[in-house]
């Protein structure tokens, strides 16, 4: 029987500038963000390889971690956060100032109410699905760490569980949280644990 591939998906820590719809804006980690990520990693990490989003809030820590533990490191553009269009850089309060119900509509139906210029959820899911499939096939039987973003982790969970993509924003993903997915050939994927 073929060995399972385990993928741990770790969200970056807090970026400089705090909570906002950052999307693909390339803000670095804050001091707190660095501390959150260091605290999330065990002294003896279980991973054989690290794959990272190219955005600096992910790849800077990935580079440090790979160097410290002698792990291979690959950067994959497909693990970038979803593009939020005109919402990029905006806080929830800024968005609600012009339209108090804008976020309620978005979370109720993110496909019909996506921000102007935002990446379509179906395109985003296709991008993440292809990236996950390539990790499963390219790192068969290994335990891999993917350092990415809340949206990426939500989409990966939705894909693994076959959940409707329009429900992905109901999944809470905190800074530096780790989600573990297991992919076994011939069986459905499993969500082993998720830190909200």
Protein backbone atom coordinates (compact mmCIF):
# COMPACT_ATOMS: atom_id res chain seq x y z
CA UNK A 1 0.00 0.00 0.00
CA UNK A 2 1.35 3.43 -0.98
CA UNK A 3 2.40 5.72 1.84
CA UNK A 4 0.33 8.77 2.72
CA UNK A 5 1.56 12.25 1.94
CA UNK A 6 1.03 14.68 4.79
CA UNK A 7 0.83 18.41 4.09
CA UNK A 8 1.01 20.88 6.95
CA UNK A 9 -0.25 24.29 5.88
CA UNK A 10 0.99 27.12 8.08
CA UNK A 11 -0.35 30.64 7.84
CA UNK A 12 2.14 33.49 8.10
CA UNK A 13 2.29 35.56 11.28
CA UNK A 14 0.99 39.10 11.66
CA UNK A 15 2.32 41.43 8.94
CA UNK A 16 3.39 45.02 9.43
CA UNK A 17 0.23 47.14 9.28
CA UNK A 18 -1.99 44.69 11.19
CA UNK A 19 -5.25 43.17 10.03
CA UNK A 20 -6.47 44.20 6.59
CA UNK A 21 -7.45 42.66 3.25
CA UNK A 22 -3.85 42.37 2.19
CA UNK A 23 -4.25 39.87 -0.66
CA UNK A 24 -1.10 40.08 -2.76
CA UNK A 25 0.34 43.25 -1.20
CA UNK A 26 3.86 42.25 -0.14
CA UNK A 27 4.07 43.45 3.48
CA UNK A 28 6.76 41.88 5.69
CA UNK A 29 6.14 40.25 9.06
CA UNK A 30 5.95 42.44 12.14
CA UNK A 31 8.06 41.58 15.20
CA UNK A 32 4.95 39.90 16.64
CA UNK A 33 4.50 37.98 13.38
CA UNK A 34 8.03 36.58 13.60
CA UNK A 35 7.44 35.58 17.22
CA UNK A 36 4.12 33.88 16.34
CA UNK A 37 5.83 31.76 13.69
CA UNK A 38 8.78 30.81 15.89
CA UNK A 39 6.35 29.79 18.64
CA UNK A 40 4.35 27.60 16.23
CA UNK A 41 7.31 25.48 15.09
CA UNK A 42 8.41 22.52 17.25
CA UNK A 43 12.06 22.19 18.31
CA UNK A 44 12.39 19.08 16.16
CA UNK A 45 10.26 19.78 13.04
CA UNK A 46 8.75 16.69 11.35
CA UNK A 47 9.02 18.00 7.78
CA UNK A 48 11.28 16.77 4.99
CA UNK A 49 10.65 19.77 2.72
CA UNK A 50 9.22 23.29 2.80
CA UNK A 51 7.21 24.98 0.05
CA UNK A 52 6.36 28.66 0.37
CA UNK A 53 4.34 31.45 -1.15
CA UNK A 54 6.68 34.00 -2.76
CA UNK A 55 5.23 36.84 -0.67
CA UNK A 56 7.75 38.04 1.91
CA UNK A 57 5.47 37.46 4.92
CA UNK A 58 5.79 33.74 4.10
CA UNK A 59 9.10 33.24 2.33
CA UNK A 60 11.33 35.16 4.76
CA UNK A 61 10.44 32.79 7.61
CA UNK A 62 10.49 29.77 5.26
CA UNK A 63 14.08 30.60 4.27
CA UNK A 64 15.15 30.96 7.90
CA UNK A 65 13.45 27.70 8.92
CA UNK A 66 14.86 25.72 5.98
CA UNK A 67 18.38 26.99 6.67
CA UNK A 68 18.15 26.26 10.41
CA UNK A 69 17.06 22.64 9.87
CA UNK A 70 18.75 21.75 6.56
CA UNK A 71 15.45 21.34 4.71
CA UNK A 72 14.88 21.76 0.99
CA UNK A 73 12.92 24.90 0.09
CA UNK A 74 10.81 25.59 -3.00
CA UNK A 75 8.90 28.79 -3.80
CA UNK A 76 5.62 28.28 -5.64
CA UNK A 77 3.70 31.29 -6.99
CA UNK A 78 0.47 29.30 -6.92
CA UNK A 79 0.46 29.50 -3.11
CA UNK A 80 0.02 33.30 -3.19
CA UNK A 81 -3.03 34.68 -1.41
CA UNK A 82 -6.22 35.29 -3.35
CA UNK A 83 -6.23 38.68 -5.06
CA UNK A 84 -8.76 41.00 -3.39
CA UNK A 85 -8.91 43.62 -6.14
CA UNK A 86 -9.98 47.08 -4.89
CA UNK A 87 -10.13 45.79 -1.31
CA UNK A 88 -6.37 45.22 -1.15
CA UNK A 89 -4.88 47.21 1.72
CA UNK A 90 -8.29 48.08 3.20
CA UNK A 91 -9.42 47.35 6.76
CA UNK A 92 -12.90 46.06 7.60
CA UNK A 93 -13.75 49.43 9.14
CA UNK A 94 -12.70 51.27 5.97
CA UNK A 95 -14.89 49.00 3.85
CA UNK A 96 -17.89 49.38 6.18
CA UNK A 97 -17.53 53.19 6.25
CA UNK A 98 -18.94 53.45 2.71
CA UNK A 99 -21.27 50.45 2.89
CA UNK A 100 -22.15 48.99 6.33
CA UNK A 101 -23.39 45.71 4.78
CA UNK A 102 -20.60 45.10 2.27
CA UNK A 103 -18.88 42.36 4.29
CA UNK A 104 -22.15 40.67 5.23
CA UNK A 105 -23.02 40.36 1.54
CA UNK A 106 -19.53 39.10 0.71
CA UNK A 107 -19.50 36.39 3.38
CA UNK A 108 -23.05 35.32 2.48
CA UNK A 109 -22.18 34.91 -1.20
CA UNK A 110 -18.52 35.63 -2.06
CA UNK A 111 -18.98 34.49 -5.66
CA UNK A 112 -21.69 37.04 -6.46
CA UNK A 113 -20.26 39.79 -4.23
CA UNK A 114 -16.54 39.65 -4.87
CA UNK A 115 -14.64 42.95 -4.85
CA UNK A 116 -14.09 44.70 -8.16
CA UNK A 117 -10.96 43.33 -9.82
CA UNK A 118 -10.68 40.41 -7.36
CA UNK A 119 -9.59 36.96 -8.42
CA UNK A 120 -12.61 34.70 -9.04
CA UNK A 121 -13.02 32.06 -6.33
CA UNK A 122 -13.32 29.30 -8.93
CA UNK A 123 -10.01 30.38 -10.51
CA UNK A 124 -8.39 30.57 -7.08
CA UNK A 125 -9.58 27.07 -6.17
CA UNK A 126 -8.23 25.71 -9.48
CA UNK A 127 -4.86 27.30 -8.73
CA UNK A 128 -4.69 25.83 -5.22
CA UNK A 129 -6.00 22.42 -6.33
CA UNK A 130 -3.26 22.17 -8.97
CA UNK A 131 -0.60 23.21 -6.46
CA UNK A 132 -1.79 20.69 -3.84
CA UNK A 133 -1.99 17.90 -6.45
CA UNK A 134 1.58 18.63 -7.49
CA UNK A 135 2.79 18.50 -3.88
CA UNK A 136 1.02 15.15 -3.37
CA UNK A 137 2.55 13.66 -6.53
CA UNK A 138 5.98 15.29 -6.22
CA UNK A 139 6.49 14.57 -2.52
CA UNK A 140 4.73 11.21 -2.29
CA UNK A 141 5.01 9.63 1.15
CA UNK A 142 6.67 12.70 2.66
CA UNK A 143 5.65 15.16 5.36
CA UNK A 144 5.76 18.63 3.79
CA UNK A 145 5.28 22.12 5.23
CA UNK A 146 3.56 24.73 3.05
CA UNK A 147 3.83 28.29 4.38
CA UNK A 148 1.05 30.35 2.87
CA UNK A 149 -2.04 32.46 3.59
CA UNK A 150 -5.47 32.17 5.17
CA UNK A 151 -7.24 32.02 1.80
CA UNK A 152 -4.87 29.34 0.52
CA UNK A 153 -5.48 27.21 3.61
CA UNK A 154 -9.25 27.68 3.35
CA UNK A 155 -9.19 26.65 -0.32
CA UNK A 156 -6.97 23.62 0.43
CA UNK A 157 -9.38 22.46 3.15
CA UNK A 158 -12.36 23.00 0.82
CA UNK A 159 -10.63 20.99 -1.90
CA UNK A 160 -9.55 18.16 0.41
CA UNK A 161 -13.03 17.79 1.92
CA UNK A 162 -15.01 18.49 -1.25
CA UNK A 163 -16.72 21.45 0.43
CA UNK A 164 -18.40 24.15 -1.67
CA UNK A 165 -15.84 26.88 -2.35
CA UNK A 166 -18.39 29.60 -1.53
CA UNK A 167 -18.24 28.41 2.12
CA UNK A 168 -14.48 28.80 2.47
CA UNK A 169 -14.60 32.17 4.23
CA UNK A 170 -16.45 30.48 7.11
CA UNK A 171 -13.19 28.73 8.04
CA UNK A 172 -11.20 30.72 10.60
CA UNK A 173 -7.42 30.65 10.14
CA UNK A 174 -5.35 32.51 12.73
CA UNK A 175 -1.84 33.87 12.28
CA UNK A 176 0.79 31.08 12.44
CA UNK A 177 -1.94 28.40 12.74
CA UNK A 178 -1.19 24.96 11.28
CA UNK A 179 -3.61 22.73 9.39
CA UNK A 180 -2.70 19.11 8.60
CA UNK A 181 -4.07 17.27 5.56
CA UNK A 182 -3.37 13.64 4.69
CA UNK A 183 -3.53 12.28 1.16
CA UNK A 184 -3.50 8.50 0.76
CA UNK A 185 -3.64 6.99 -2.75
CA UNK A 186 -7.04 5.43 -3.45
CA UNK A 187 -8.72 7.11 -0.45
CA UNK A 188 -10.40 10.47 0.18
CA UNK A 189 -8.20 13.14 1.72
CA UNK A 190 -8.38 13.60 5.49
CA UNK A 191 -8.27 16.72 7.63
CA UNK A 192 -6.15 15.53 10.58
CA UNK A 193 -6.29 18.79 12.49
CA UNK A 194 -6.95 22.49 12.03
CA UNK A 195 -6.10 25.38 14.33
CA UNK A 196 -8.66 28.14 13.90
